């Protein structure tokens, strides 16, 4: 059963969410030359959360997606790809998805708090974590370098 909007708001306001350890990008074999990672988000409240990330230098896209194990995506940031909302408006290439009882994760908005470009995934990560109130107790390493269509 999906979470309610009230449960989402409490979860997002909780400053006890954290990630432990360094995070390293791995090649995404299904979407080469993209790189990806998945990391658990811990909390005293025990929220069942993890983050999926994907960076594609050729498509010039970057996504950080907060997943709730029983609900699915509840929060996410996408850079480099436009979004079409259920209300038929287009949202720009920089947008966030935020859970709601009405549209689930399908409605997006333009976030004022993300100033780093898709090409700087480490800086975007810091901005994303700050807004989502997730403390990363470690380092996000830069994605692998790309040569031709191969990640190095």
N, C-alpha and C. Protein backbone atom coordinates (compact mmCIF):
# COMPACT_ATOMS: atom_id res chain seq x y z
N UNK A 1 0.84 -1.18 0.00
CA UNK A 1 0.00 0.00 0.00
C UNK A 1 0.89 1.25 0.00
N UNK A 2 0.58 2.23 -0.84
CA UNK A 2 1.39 3.44 -0.92
C UNK A 2 1.30 4.26 0.37
N UNK A 3 2.32 5.06 0.59
CA UNK A 3 2.28 5.97 1.72
C UNK A 3 1.34 7.12 1.42
N UNK A 4 0.89 7.79 2.46
CA UNK A 4 0.04 8.97 2.28
C UNK A 4 0.92 10.21 2.13
N UNK A 5 0.32 11.29 1.69
CA UNK A 5 1.05 12.54 1.57
C UNK A 5 1.56 12.98 2.95
N UNK A 6 0.74 12.79 3.98
CA UNK A 6 1.16 13.18 5.34
C UNK A 6 2.37 12.36 5.78
N UNK A 7 2.38 11.06 5.49
CA UNK A 7 3.53 10.21 5.83
C UNK A 7 4.77 10.64 5.05
N UNK A 8 4.57 10.99 3.79
CA UNK A 8 5.68 11.48 2.97
C UNK A 8 6.29 12.74 3.58
N UNK A 9 5.45 13.69 3.96
CA UNK A 9 5.93 14.95 4.51
C UNK A 9 6.72 14.73 5.80
N UNK A 10 6.24 13.85 6.67
CA UNK A 10 6.96 13.54 7.91
C UNK A 10 8.31 12.91 7.59
N UNK A 11 8.33 11.96 6.66
CA UNK A 11 9.56 11.28 6.27
C UNK A 11 10.57 12.26 5.68
N UNK A 12 10.13 13.16 4.82
CA UNK A 12 11.05 14.10 4.19
C UNK A 12 11.57 15.13 5.20
N UNK A 13 10.78 15.48 6.20
CA UNK A 13 11.20 16.46 7.20
C UNK A 13 12.17 15.87 8.22
N UNK A 14 12.22 14.56 8.30
CA UNK A 14 13.08 13.87 9.27
C UNK A 14 14.55 14.10 8.92
N UNK A 15 15.27 14.74 9.80
CA UNK A 15 16.69 15.04 9.56
C UNK A 15 17.61 13.89 9.96
N UNK A 16 17.04 12.78 10.40
CA UNK A 16 17.84 11.63 10.79
C UNK A 16 18.16 10.66 9.65
N UNK A 17 17.73 10.99 8.43
CA UNK A 17 18.04 10.12 7.30
C UNK A 17 19.51 10.27 6.94
N UNK A 18 20.17 9.14 6.69
CA UNK A 18 21.60 9.23 6.37
C UNK A 18 22.07 8.05 5.52
N UNK A 19 23.20 8.27 4.88
CA UNK A 19 23.87 7.26 4.06
C UNK A 19 25.25 7.09 4.66
N UNK A 20 25.65 5.83 4.85
CA UNK A 20 26.94 5.53 5.47
C UNK A 20 27.90 4.98 4.42
N UNK A 21 29.08 5.58 4.33
CA UNK A 21 30.13 5.06 3.46
C UNK A 21 30.27 5.79 2.15
N UNK A 22 31.39 5.53 1.51
CA UNK A 22 31.67 6.11 0.21
C UNK A 22 30.82 5.44 -0.87
N UNK A 23 30.52 6.19 -1.90
CA UNK A 23 29.69 5.69 -3.00
C UNK A 23 30.48 5.83 -4.30
N UNK A 24 30.50 4.76 -5.06
CA UNK A 24 31.23 4.72 -6.33
C UNK A 24 30.27 4.39 -7.45
N UNK A 25 30.37 5.12 -8.53
CA UNK A 25 29.57 4.86 -9.73
C UNK A 25 30.07 3.57 -10.39
N UNK A 26 29.13 2.82 -10.96
CA UNK A 26 29.45 1.60 -11.70
C UNK A 26 28.88 1.73 -13.11
N UNK A 27 29.51 1.06 -14.05
CA UNK A 27 28.98 1.05 -15.41
C UNK A 27 27.59 0.41 -15.41
N UNK A 28 26.67 1.01 -16.14
CA UNK A 28 25.33 0.46 -16.31
C UNK A 28 25.34 -0.36 -17.60
N UNK A 29 25.42 -1.69 -17.49
CA UNK A 29 25.55 -2.52 -18.69
C UNK A 29 24.35 -2.45 -19.62
N UNK A 30 23.19 -2.07 -19.10
CA UNK A 30 21.99 -2.00 -19.94
C UNK A 30 21.84 -0.66 -20.66
N UNK A 31 22.60 0.34 -20.24
CA UNK A 31 22.47 1.67 -20.82
C UNK A 31 23.83 2.32 -21.06
N UNK A 32 24.78 1.56 -21.58
CA UNK A 32 26.12 2.08 -21.82
C UNK A 32 26.03 3.30 -22.72
N UNK A 33 26.79 4.32 -22.45
CA UNK A 33 27.89 4.46 -21.52
C UNK A 33 27.48 5.06 -20.17
N UNK A 34 26.27 4.83 -19.73
CA UNK A 34 25.81 5.41 -18.47
C UNK A 34 26.50 4.75 -17.28
N UNK A 35 26.49 5.48 -16.17
CA UNK A 35 26.98 4.95 -14.90
C UNK A 35 25.85 5.07 -13.90
N UNK A 36 25.89 4.21 -12.88
CA UNK A 36 24.80 4.18 -11.91
C UNK A 36 25.33 3.78 -10.54
N UNK A 37 24.50 4.02 -9.53
CA UNK A 37 24.74 3.45 -8.22
C UNK A 37 23.41 3.33 -7.49
N UNK A 38 23.41 2.48 -6.49
CA UNK A 38 22.25 2.30 -5.61
C UNK A 38 22.80 2.30 -4.19
N UNK A 39 22.16 3.05 -3.31
CA UNK A 39 22.65 3.17 -1.95
C UNK A 39 21.45 3.20 -0.97
N UNK A 40 21.61 2.51 0.14
CA UNK A 40 20.58 2.48 1.18
C UNK A 40 20.55 3.80 1.94
N UNK A 41 19.37 4.24 2.31
CA UNK A 41 19.19 5.41 3.16
C UNK A 41 18.70 4.89 4.50
N UNK A 42 19.48 5.11 5.53
CA UNK A 42 19.15 4.63 6.87
C UNK A 42 18.48 5.73 7.68
N UNK A 43 17.76 5.31 8.71
CA UNK A 43 17.13 6.27 9.62
C UNK A 43 16.73 5.55 10.90
N UNK A 44 16.64 6.31 11.98
CA UNK A 44 16.15 5.73 13.23
C UNK A 44 14.71 5.28 13.10
N UNK A 45 13.94 5.98 12.29
CA UNK A 45 12.54 5.63 12.08
C UNK A 45 12.39 4.35 11.25
N UNK A 46 13.45 3.95 10.58
CA UNK A 46 13.40 2.72 9.79
C UNK A 46 12.66 2.83 8.47
N UNK A 47 12.67 4.00 7.89
CA UNK A 47 12.03 4.15 6.58
C UNK A 47 12.68 3.20 5.58
N UNK A 48 11.89 2.49 4.79
CA UNK A 48 12.46 1.56 3.80
C UNK A 48 12.86 2.29 2.52
N UNK A 49 14.01 2.97 2.56
CA UNK A 49 14.41 3.85 1.46
C UNK A 49 15.75 3.47 0.87
N UNK A 50 15.89 3.73 -0.42
CA UNK A 50 17.18 3.69 -1.08
C UNK A 50 17.17 4.70 -2.22
N UNK A 51 18.36 5.03 -2.70
CA UNK A 51 18.48 5.96 -3.82
C UNK A 51 19.10 5.24 -5.00
N UNK A 52 18.48 5.39 -6.16
CA UNK A 52 19.04 4.96 -7.43
C UNK A 52 19.55 6.21 -8.13
N UNK A 53 20.72 6.12 -8.72
CA UNK A 53 21.28 7.24 -9.47
C UNK A 53 21.72 6.76 -10.84
N UNK A 54 21.57 7.64 -11.82
CA UNK A 54 22.04 7.32 -13.18
C UNK A 54 22.57 8.60 -13.81
N UNK A 55 23.74 8.47 -14.45
CA UNK A 55 24.40 9.58 -15.14
C UNK A 55 24.78 9.11 -16.52
N UNK A 56 24.41 9.88 -17.55
CA UNK A 56 24.74 9.51 -18.91
C UNK A 56 25.35 10.72 -19.62
N UNK A 57 26.68 10.70 -19.82
CA UNK A 57 27.34 11.86 -20.41
C UNK A 57 26.99 12.10 -21.88
N UNK A 58 26.58 11.08 -22.60
CA UNK A 58 26.22 11.28 -24.00
C UNK A 58 24.81 11.82 -24.15
N UNK A 59 23.90 11.36 -23.32
CA UNK A 59 22.54 11.91 -23.34
C UNK A 59 22.45 13.21 -22.54
N UNK A 60 23.52 13.52 -21.79
CA UNK A 60 23.59 14.70 -20.93
C UNK A 60 22.45 14.71 -19.92
N UNK A 61 22.31 13.57 -19.22
CA UNK A 61 21.26 13.42 -18.21
C UNK A 61 21.84 12.94 -16.89
N UNK A 62 21.14 13.28 -15.83
CA UNK A 62 21.48 12.87 -14.47
C UNK A 62 20.20 12.74 -13.69
N UNK A 63 20.08 11.64 -12.94
CA UNK A 63 18.89 11.42 -12.10
C UNK A 63 19.29 10.86 -10.75
N UNK A 64 18.69 11.40 -9.71
CA UNK A 64 18.77 10.84 -8.36
C UNK A 64 17.34 10.57 -7.94
N UNK A 65 17.04 9.32 -7.59
CA UNK A 65 15.67 8.92 -7.31
C UNK A 65 15.59 8.25 -5.94
N UNK A 66 14.76 8.81 -5.05
CA UNK A 66 14.52 8.24 -3.73
C UNK A 66 13.35 7.27 -3.85
N UNK A 67 13.63 6.02 -3.52
CA UNK A 67 12.64 4.95 -3.67
C UNK A 67 12.20 4.46 -2.28
N UNK A 68 10.89 4.37 -2.08
CA UNK A 68 10.31 3.76 -0.89
C UNK A 68 9.94 2.33 -1.30
N UNK A 69 10.41 1.35 -0.56
CA UNK A 69 10.27 -0.05 -1.00
C UNK A 69 8.83 -0.50 -1.25
N UNK A 70 7.85 0.05 -0.56
CA UNK A 70 6.47 -0.40 -0.81
C UNK A 70 5.70 0.53 -1.74
N UNK A 71 6.19 1.76 -1.91
CA UNK A 71 5.47 2.75 -2.70
C UNK A 71 6.10 2.98 -4.07
N UNK A 72 7.41 2.89 -4.15
CA UNK A 72 8.13 3.22 -5.38
C UNK A 72 8.77 4.59 -5.25
N UNK A 73 8.96 5.26 -6.38
CA UNK A 73 9.59 6.58 -6.34
C UNK A 73 8.70 7.55 -5.57
N UNK A 74 9.30 8.20 -4.57
CA UNK A 74 8.58 9.21 -3.81
C UNK A 74 9.19 10.58 -3.97
N UNK A 75 10.42 10.63 -4.48
CA UNK A 75 11.11 11.90 -4.63
C UNK A 75 12.21 11.69 -5.64
N UNK A 76 12.41 12.63 -6.52
CA UNK A 76 13.48 12.45 -7.49
C UNK A 76 13.84 13.74 -8.19
N UNK A 77 15.07 13.77 -8.66
CA UNK A 77 15.59 14.89 -9.42
C UNK A 77 16.03 14.38 -10.78
N UNK A 78 15.61 15.05 -11.83
CA UNK A 78 16.02 14.73 -13.19
C UNK A 78 16.60 15.97 -13.84
N UNK A 79 17.77 15.81 -14.44
CA UNK A 79 18.41 16.89 -15.20
C UNK A 79 18.65 16.40 -16.61
N UNK A 80 18.28 17.21 -17.60
CA UNK A 80 18.58 16.89 -18.98
C UNK A 80 17.45 16.29 -19.78
N UNK A 81 16.28 16.10 -19.19
CA UNK A 81 15.14 15.52 -19.93
C UNK A 81 13.86 16.21 -19.47
N UNK A 82 13.08 16.72 -20.42
CA UNK A 82 11.83 17.38 -20.08
C UNK A 82 10.83 16.38 -19.51
N UNK A 83 9.85 16.89 -18.79
CA UNK A 83 8.79 16.06 -18.20
C UNK A 83 7.44 16.65 -18.58
N UNK A 84 6.48 15.78 -18.84
CA UNK A 84 5.11 16.18 -19.16
C UNK A 84 4.23 15.80 -17.97
N UNK A 85 3.68 16.80 -17.28
CA UNK A 85 2.84 16.56 -16.12
C UNK A 85 1.46 16.02 -16.51
N UNK A 86 0.77 15.35 -15.58
CA UNK A 86 -0.58 14.86 -15.87
C UNK A 86 -1.56 15.98 -16.24
N UNK A 87 -1.27 17.20 -15.82
CA UNK A 87 -2.12 18.35 -16.14
C UNK A 87 -1.77 18.96 -17.48
N UNK A 88 -0.95 18.27 -18.26
CA UNK A 88 -0.58 18.61 -19.64
C UNK A 88 0.42 19.76 -19.76
N UNK A 89 1.06 20.16 -18.70
CA UNK A 89 2.10 21.18 -18.84
C UNK A 89 3.46 20.50 -18.89
N UNK A 90 4.34 21.11 -19.67
CA UNK A 90 5.70 20.62 -19.75
C UNK A 90 6.53 21.31 -18.68
N UNK A 91 7.42 20.53 -18.05
CA UNK A 91 8.34 21.06 -17.06
C UNK A 91 9.72 20.95 -17.70
N UNK A 92 10.58 21.87 -17.40
CA UNK A 92 11.89 21.93 -18.04
C UNK A 92 12.79 20.74 -17.82
N UNK A 93 13.99 20.86 -18.36
CA UNK A 93 14.97 19.78 -18.27
C UNK A 93 15.54 19.61 -16.87
N UNK A 94 15.28 20.56 -15.99
CA UNK A 94 15.62 20.43 -14.58
C UNK A 94 14.31 20.38 -13.81
N UNK A 95 14.00 19.21 -13.22
CA UNK A 95 12.75 19.10 -12.48
C UNK A 95 12.85 18.05 -11.38
N UNK A 96 11.96 18.21 -10.40
CA UNK A 96 11.86 17.26 -9.29
C UNK A 96 10.47 16.66 -9.26
N UNK A 97 10.44 15.40 -8.86
CA UNK A 97 9.19 14.70 -8.60
C UNK A 97 9.03 14.62 -7.09
N UNK A 98 7.83 14.82 -6.61
CA UNK A 98 7.55 14.80 -5.17
C UNK A 98 6.22 14.08 -4.97
N UNK A 99 6.18 13.12 -4.08
CA UNK A 99 4.99 12.30 -3.84
C UNK A 99 3.79 13.16 -3.47
N UNK A 100 2.63 12.79 -3.99
CA UNK A 100 1.37 13.40 -3.55
C UNK A 100 0.27 12.34 -3.65
N UNK A 101 -0.75 12.52 -2.84
CA UNK A 101 -1.89 11.59 -2.86
C UNK A 101 -2.62 11.64 -4.20
N UNK A 102 -2.61 12.78 -4.86
CA UNK A 102 -3.36 12.97 -6.10
C UNK A 102 -2.64 12.35 -7.30
N UNK A 103 -1.35 12.68 -7.48
CA UNK A 103 -0.63 12.26 -8.67
C UNK A 103 0.47 11.23 -8.43
N UNK A 104 0.58 10.75 -7.19
CA UNK A 104 1.68 9.83 -6.83
C UNK A 104 3.00 10.51 -7.17
N UNK A 105 3.83 9.90 -8.03
CA UNK A 105 5.13 10.50 -8.38
C UNK A 105 5.13 11.12 -9.78
N UNK A 106 3.96 11.31 -10.37
CA UNK A 106 3.87 11.71 -11.78
C UNK A 106 3.96 13.21 -12.03
N UNK A 107 3.78 14.03 -11.01
CA UNK A 107 3.84 15.47 -11.21
C UNK A 107 5.21 15.99 -10.82
N UNK A 108 5.73 16.93 -11.61
CA UNK A 108 7.06 17.48 -11.36
C UNK A 108 6.99 19.00 -11.33
N UNK A 109 8.03 19.59 -10.76
CA UNK A 109 8.14 21.05 -10.68
C UNK A 109 9.59 21.44 -10.87
N UNK A 110 9.83 22.70 -11.16
CA UNK A 110 11.18 23.21 -11.35
C UNK A 110 11.73 23.60 -9.98
N UNK A 111 12.83 22.99 -9.56
CA UNK A 111 13.37 23.26 -8.23
C UNK A 111 14.30 24.49 -8.23
N UNK A 112 14.13 25.37 -7.25
CA UNK A 112 15.02 26.53 -7.18
C UNK A 112 16.35 26.22 -6.48
N UNK A 113 16.45 25.06 -5.83
CA UNK A 113 17.61 24.74 -4.99
C UNK A 113 18.71 23.98 -5.72
N UNK A 114 18.53 23.63 -6.96
CA UNK A 114 19.55 22.90 -7.72
C UNK A 114 20.17 23.87 -8.73
N UNK A 115 21.41 24.23 -8.48
CA UNK A 115 22.08 25.17 -9.39
C UNK A 115 23.19 24.52 -10.20
N UNK A 116 23.65 23.36 -9.76
CA UNK A 116 24.72 22.67 -10.48
C UNK A 116 24.16 21.99 -11.74
N UNK A 117 24.96 21.88 -12.79
CA UNK A 117 24.50 21.25 -14.03
C UNK A 117 24.62 19.72 -13.97
N UNK A 118 23.98 19.07 -14.93
CA UNK A 118 24.03 17.60 -15.03
C UNK A 118 25.47 17.10 -15.07
N UNK A 119 26.38 17.90 -15.61
CA UNK A 119 27.76 17.49 -15.81
C UNK A 119 28.60 17.52 -14.53
N UNK A 120 28.00 17.95 -13.43
CA UNK A 120 28.68 17.99 -12.14
C UNK A 120 27.88 17.16 -11.12
N UNK A 121 27.84 15.83 -11.31
CA UNK A 121 26.98 15.00 -10.48
C UNK A 121 27.33 15.02 -8.99
N UNK A 122 28.57 15.29 -8.63
CA UNK A 122 28.94 15.34 -7.22
C UNK A 122 28.33 16.57 -6.56
N UNK A 123 28.43 17.71 -7.21
CA UNK A 123 27.83 18.93 -6.66
C UNK A 123 26.31 18.84 -6.62
N UNK A 124 25.71 18.26 -7.65
CA UNK A 124 24.26 18.06 -7.67
C UNK A 124 23.87 17.15 -6.51
N UNK A 125 24.66 16.10 -6.25
CA UNK A 125 24.40 15.17 -5.15
C UNK A 125 24.32 15.92 -3.82
N UNK A 126 25.28 16.80 -3.57
CA UNK A 126 25.28 17.55 -2.32
C UNK A 126 24.02 18.42 -2.20
N UNK A 127 23.62 19.03 -3.29
CA UNK A 127 22.42 19.86 -3.28
C UNK A 127 21.17 19.01 -3.09
N UNK A 128 21.11 17.87 -3.76
CA UNK A 128 19.97 16.95 -3.63
C UNK A 128 19.85 16.45 -2.19
N UNK A 129 20.95 15.99 -1.62
CA UNK A 129 20.92 15.47 -0.25
C UNK A 129 20.52 16.56 0.75
N UNK A 130 21.03 17.76 0.57
CA UNK A 130 20.69 18.86 1.48
C UNK A 130 19.20 19.14 1.47
N UNK A 131 18.61 19.21 0.28
CA UNK A 131 17.19 19.51 0.20
C UNK A 131 16.34 18.37 0.73
N UNK A 132 16.78 17.13 0.52
CA UNK A 132 16.03 15.96 0.97
C UNK A 132 16.30 15.63 2.44
N UNK A 133 17.17 16.43 3.07
CA UNK A 133 17.54 16.23 4.47
C UNK A 133 18.14 14.84 4.70
N UNK A 134 19.07 14.48 3.80
CA UNK A 134 19.81 13.22 3.92
C UNK A 134 21.27 13.57 4.13
N UNK A 135 21.83 13.08 5.22
CA UNK A 135 23.24 13.32 5.50
C UNK A 135 24.05 12.17 4.90
N UNK A 136 25.01 12.49 4.07
CA UNK A 136 25.89 11.46 3.50
C UNK A 136 27.17 11.44 4.32
N UNK A 137 27.36 10.36 5.07
CA UNK A 137 28.54 10.20 5.91
C UNK A 137 29.60 9.44 5.12
N UNK A 138 30.09 10.07 4.11
CA UNK A 138 31.07 9.49 3.21
C UNK A 138 31.26 10.41 2.03
N UNK A 139 31.81 9.87 0.96
CA UNK A 139 32.14 10.63 -0.24
C UNK A 139 31.46 10.00 -1.44
N UNK A 140 30.87 10.83 -2.28
CA UNK A 140 30.42 10.36 -3.59
C UNK A 140 31.57 10.64 -4.54
N UNK A 141 32.12 9.58 -5.10
CA UNK A 141 33.21 9.73 -6.05
C UNK A 141 32.66 10.20 -7.39
N UNK A 142 33.48 10.86 -8.18
CA UNK A 142 33.08 11.28 -9.52
C UNK A 142 32.83 10.05 -10.39
N UNK A 143 31.94 10.17 -11.37
CA UNK A 143 31.71 9.06 -12.29
C UNK A 143 32.97 8.74 -13.08
N UNK A 144 33.06 7.55 -13.65
CA UNK A 144 34.22 7.20 -14.48
C UNK A 144 34.33 8.13 -15.68
N UNK A 145 35.53 8.31 -16.16
CA UNK A 145 35.77 9.10 -17.35
C UNK A 145 35.24 8.34 -18.57
N UNK A 146 34.85 9.07 -19.59
CA UNK A 146 34.33 8.47 -20.81
C UNK A 146 35.29 8.73 -21.95
N UNK A 147 35.59 7.68 -22.71
CA UNK A 147 36.39 7.81 -23.92
C UNK A 147 35.65 7.10 -25.03
N UNK A 148 35.34 7.83 -26.08
CA UNK A 148 34.51 7.23 -27.13
C UNK A 148 33.16 6.90 -26.55
N UNK A 149 32.73 5.66 -26.63
CA UNK A 149 31.47 5.26 -25.99
C UNK A 149 31.73 4.26 -24.89
N UNK A 150 32.94 4.31 -24.29
CA UNK A 150 33.28 3.39 -23.20
C UNK A 150 33.59 4.18 -21.93
N UNK A 151 33.09 3.67 -20.81
CA UNK A 151 33.47 4.23 -19.52
C UNK A 151 34.81 3.65 -19.14
N UNK A 152 35.69 4.47 -18.58
CA UNK A 152 37.01 4.00 -18.15
C UNK A 152 37.09 3.93 -16.64
